[in-house]
Amino acid sequence: MSSTPSQTCKTLHLLIHGRVQGVYFRDSMRREAQHLSVSGWVRNRSDGTVEAVVQGQADAVDAIVRWAHRGPQLAQVERVEMAPAAGSYSAFEIGD
């Protein structure tokens, strides 16, 4: 299915719980986001979770959310909290 201007842009805030730090989650998510043409950011939080904002065509955002429930090979994702988010992003960046 090709992208059309009528497709809706979707922006979500994700909070990913489990063994998600020290397993290349952020870099793996960046690569997946670039593959899906999703923009936004991802960062580790001091409480051991990974936080991200993802933005793009609705089907691409849905795909990266499905990916976030699995994560990279070494991750053990327990749950993903999602909420609508605002903002405009032109690339996908890794934060501290």
C-alpha atoms as a PDB file:
ATOM      1  CA  MET A   1       0.000   0.000   0.000  1.00  0.00           C
ATOM      2  CA  SER A   2       1.503   3.347  -0.950  1.00  0.00           C
ATOM      3  CA  SER A   3       1.413   6.427   1.226  1.00  0.00           C
ATOM      4  CA  THR A   4      -1.122   9.071   0.374  1.00  0.00           C
ATOM      5  CA  PRO A   5      -1.596  12.526   1.859  1.00  0.00           C
ATOM      6  CA  SER A   6      -4.932  11.385   3.274  1.00  0.00           C
ATOM      7  CA  GLN A   7      -3.271   8.868   5.589  1.00  0.00           C
ATOM      8  CA  THR A   8      -3.271  10.125   9.147  1.00  0.00           C
ATOM      9  CA  CYS A   9      -0.145  11.019  11.048  1.00  0.00           C
ATOM     10  CA  LYS A  10      -0.045   9.397  14.471  1.00  0.00           C
ATOM     11  CA  THR A  11       2.113  10.377  17.459  1.00  0.00           C
ATOM     12  CA  LEU A  12       2.427   8.189  20.553  1.00  0.00           C
ATOM     13  CA  HIS A  13       4.405   8.317  23.783  1.00  0.00           C
ATOM     14  CA  LEU A  14       5.705   4.892  24.836  1.00  0.00           C
ATOM     15  CA  LEU A  15       7.042   3.734  28.196  1.00  0.00           C
ATOM     16  CA  ILE A  16       8.614   0.303  27.884  1.00  0.00           C
ATOM     17  CA  HIS A  17       9.073  -1.835  30.998  1.00  0.00           C
ATOM     18  CA  GLY A  18      11.174  -4.952  31.530  1.00  0.00           C
ATOM     19  CA  ARG A  19      14.798  -5.793  30.812  1.00  0.00           C
ATOM     20  CA  VAL A  20      15.154  -3.060  28.225  1.00  0.00           C
ATOM     21  CA  GLN A  21      18.392  -1.281  29.158  1.00  0.00           C
ATOM     22  CA  GLY A  22      21.807  -2.661  28.283  1.00  0.00           C
ATOM     23  CA  VAL A  23      20.329  -4.780  25.460  1.00  0.00           C
ATOM     24  CA  TYR A  24      20.742  -2.336  22.526  1.00  0.00           C
ATOM     25  CA  PHE A  25      17.061  -1.358  22.753  1.00  0.00           C
ATOM     26  CA  ARG A  26      17.584   2.300  21.786  1.00  0.00           C
ATOM     27  CA  ASP A  27      19.811   1.643  18.779  1.00  0.00           C
ATOM     28  CA  SER A  28      17.629  -1.251  17.626  1.00  0.00           C
ATOM     29  CA  MET A  29      14.542   0.950  17.898  1.00  0.00           C
ATOM     30  CA  ARG A  30      16.286   3.720  15.928  1.00  0.00           C
ATOM     31  CA  ARG A  31      17.103   1.277  13.131  1.00  0.00           C
ATOM     32  CA  GLU A  32      13.534  -0.064  13.105  1.00  0.00           C
ATOM     33  CA  ALA A  33      12.139   3.490  13.060  1.00  0.00           C
ATOM     34  CA  GLN A  34      14.334   4.435  10.107  1.00  0.00           C
ATOM     35  CA  HIS A  35      13.237   1.277   8.274  1.00  0.00           C
ATOM     36  CA  LEU A  36       9.579   2.206   8.862  1.00  0.00           C
ATOM     37  CA  SER A  37      10.039   5.971   8.173  1.00  0.00           C
ATOM     38  CA  VAL A  38       9.010   6.788  11.742  1.00  0.00           C
ATOM     39  CA  SER A  39      10.405   9.887  13.469  1.00  0.00           C
ATOM     40  CA  GLY A  40      10.692  10.803  17.146  1.00  0.00           C
ATOM     41  CA  TRP A  41      13.152   9.863  19.881  1.00  0.00           C
ATOM     42  CA  VAL A  42      14.079   7.170  22.397  1.00  0.00           C
ATOM     43  CA  ARG A  43      15.973   7.374  25.696  1.00  0.00           C
ATOM     44  CA  ASN A  44      16.751   5.402  28.840  1.00  0.00           C
ATOM     45  CA  ARG A  45      15.154   6.564  32.084  1.00  0.00           C
ATOM     46  CA  SER A  46      16.733   6.352  35.526  1.00  0.00           C
ATOM     47  CA  ASP A  47      14.005   3.929  36.689  1.00  0.00           C
ATOM     48  CA  GLY A  48      15.176   1.272  34.201  1.00  0.00           C
ATOM     49  CA  THR A  49      12.461   1.857  31.608  1.00  0.00           C
ATOM     50  CA  VAL A  50      12.893   3.073  28.045  1.00  0.00           C
ATOM     51  CA  GLU A  51      10.831   6.083  26.937  1.00  0.00           C
ATOM     52  CA  ALA A  52      10.051   6.961  23.327  1.00  0.00           C
ATOM     53  CA  VAL A  53       7.903   9.195  21.176  1.00  0.00           C
ATOM     54  CA  VAL A  54       7.083   7.782  17.756  1.00  0.00           C
ATOM     55  CA  GLN A  55       5.464   9.691  14.895  1.00  0.00           C
ATOM     56  CA  GLY A  56       4.532   8.777  11.364  1.00  0.00           C
ATOM     57  CA  GLN A  57       1.872   7.216   9.202  1.00  0.00           C
ATOM     58  CA  ALA A  58      -0.578   5.273  11.376  1.00  0.00           C
ATOM     59  CA  ASP A  59       0.385   1.860   9.960  1.00  0.00           C
ATOM     60  CA  ALA A  60       4.116   2.554  10.497  1.00  0.00           C
ATOM     61  CA  VAL A  61       3.531   3.716  14.081  1.00  0.00           C
ATOM     62  CA  ASP A  62       1.427   0.605  14.738  1.00  0.00           C
ATOM     63  CA  ALA A  63       4.300  -1.507  13.369  1.00  0.00           C
ATOM     64  CA  ILE A  64       6.911   0.079  15.640  1.00  0.00           C
ATOM     65  CA  VAL A  65       4.584  -0.319  18.628  1.00  0.00           C
ATOM     66  CA  ARG A  66       4.332  -4.039  17.811  1.00  0.00           C
ATOM     67  CA  TRP A  67       8.145  -4.116  17.586  1.00  0.00           C
ATOM     68  CA  ALA A  68       8.419  -2.333  20.977  1.00  0.00           C
ATOM     69  CA  HIS A  69       6.417  -5.145  22.602  1.00  0.00           C
ATOM     70  CA  ARG A  70       9.215  -7.553  21.519  1.00  0.00           C
ATOM     71  CA  GLY A  71      12.287  -5.339  21.364  1.00  0.00           C
ATOM     72  CA  PRO A  72      15.708  -6.600  20.277  1.00  0.00           C
ATOM     73  CA  GLN A  73      16.783 -10.188  20.842  1.00  0.00           C
ATOM     74  CA  LEU A  74      18.200  -9.742  24.368  1.00  0.00           C
ATOM     75  CA  ALA A  75      15.304  -7.638  25.699  1.00  0.00           C
ATOM     76  CA  GLN A  76      12.553  -9.001  27.900  1.00  0.00           C
ATOM     77  CA  VAL A  77       9.648  -6.593  27.505  1.00  0.00           C
ATOM     78  CA  GLU A  78       7.078  -6.884  30.289  1.00  0.00           C
ATOM     79  CA  ARG A  79       4.662  -4.182  29.156  1.00  0.00           C
ATOM     80  CA  VAL A  80       4.370  -1.044  27.034  1.00  0.00           C
ATOM     81  CA  GLU A  81       2.347   1.928  28.251  1.00  0.00           C
ATOM     82  CA  MET A  82       1.019   4.131  25.436  1.00  0.00           C
ATOM     83  CA  ALA A  83      -0.526   7.589  25.358  1.00  0.00           C
ATOM     84  CA  PRO A  84      -1.198  10.150  22.629  1.00  0.00           C
ATOM     85  CA  ALA A  85       1.606  12.695  22.241  1.00  0.00           C
ATOM     86  CA  ALA A  86       2.125  16.046  20.551  1.00  0.00           C
ATOM     87  CA  GLY A  87       5.020  17.582  18.696  1.00  0.00           C
ATOM     88  CA  SER A  88       6.605  17.436  15.282  1.00  0.00           C
ATOM     89  CA  TYR A  89       9.696  15.369  14.535  1.00  0.00           C
ATOM     90  CA  SER A  90      11.771  15.184  11.375  1.00  0.00           C
ATOM     91  CA  ALA A  91      14.158  12.346  12.342  1.00  0.00           C
ATOM     92  CA  PHE A  92      14.519   9.605  14.938  1.00  0.00           C
ATOM     93  CA  GLU A  93      17.081  10.387  17.618  1.00  0.00           C
ATOM     94  CA  ILE A  94      18.605   8.589  20.575  1.00  0.00           C
ATOM     95  CA  GLY A  95      18.745  10.524  23.829  1.00  0.00           C
ATOM     96  CA  ASP A  96      20.742   9.841  26.973  1.00  0.00           C
END
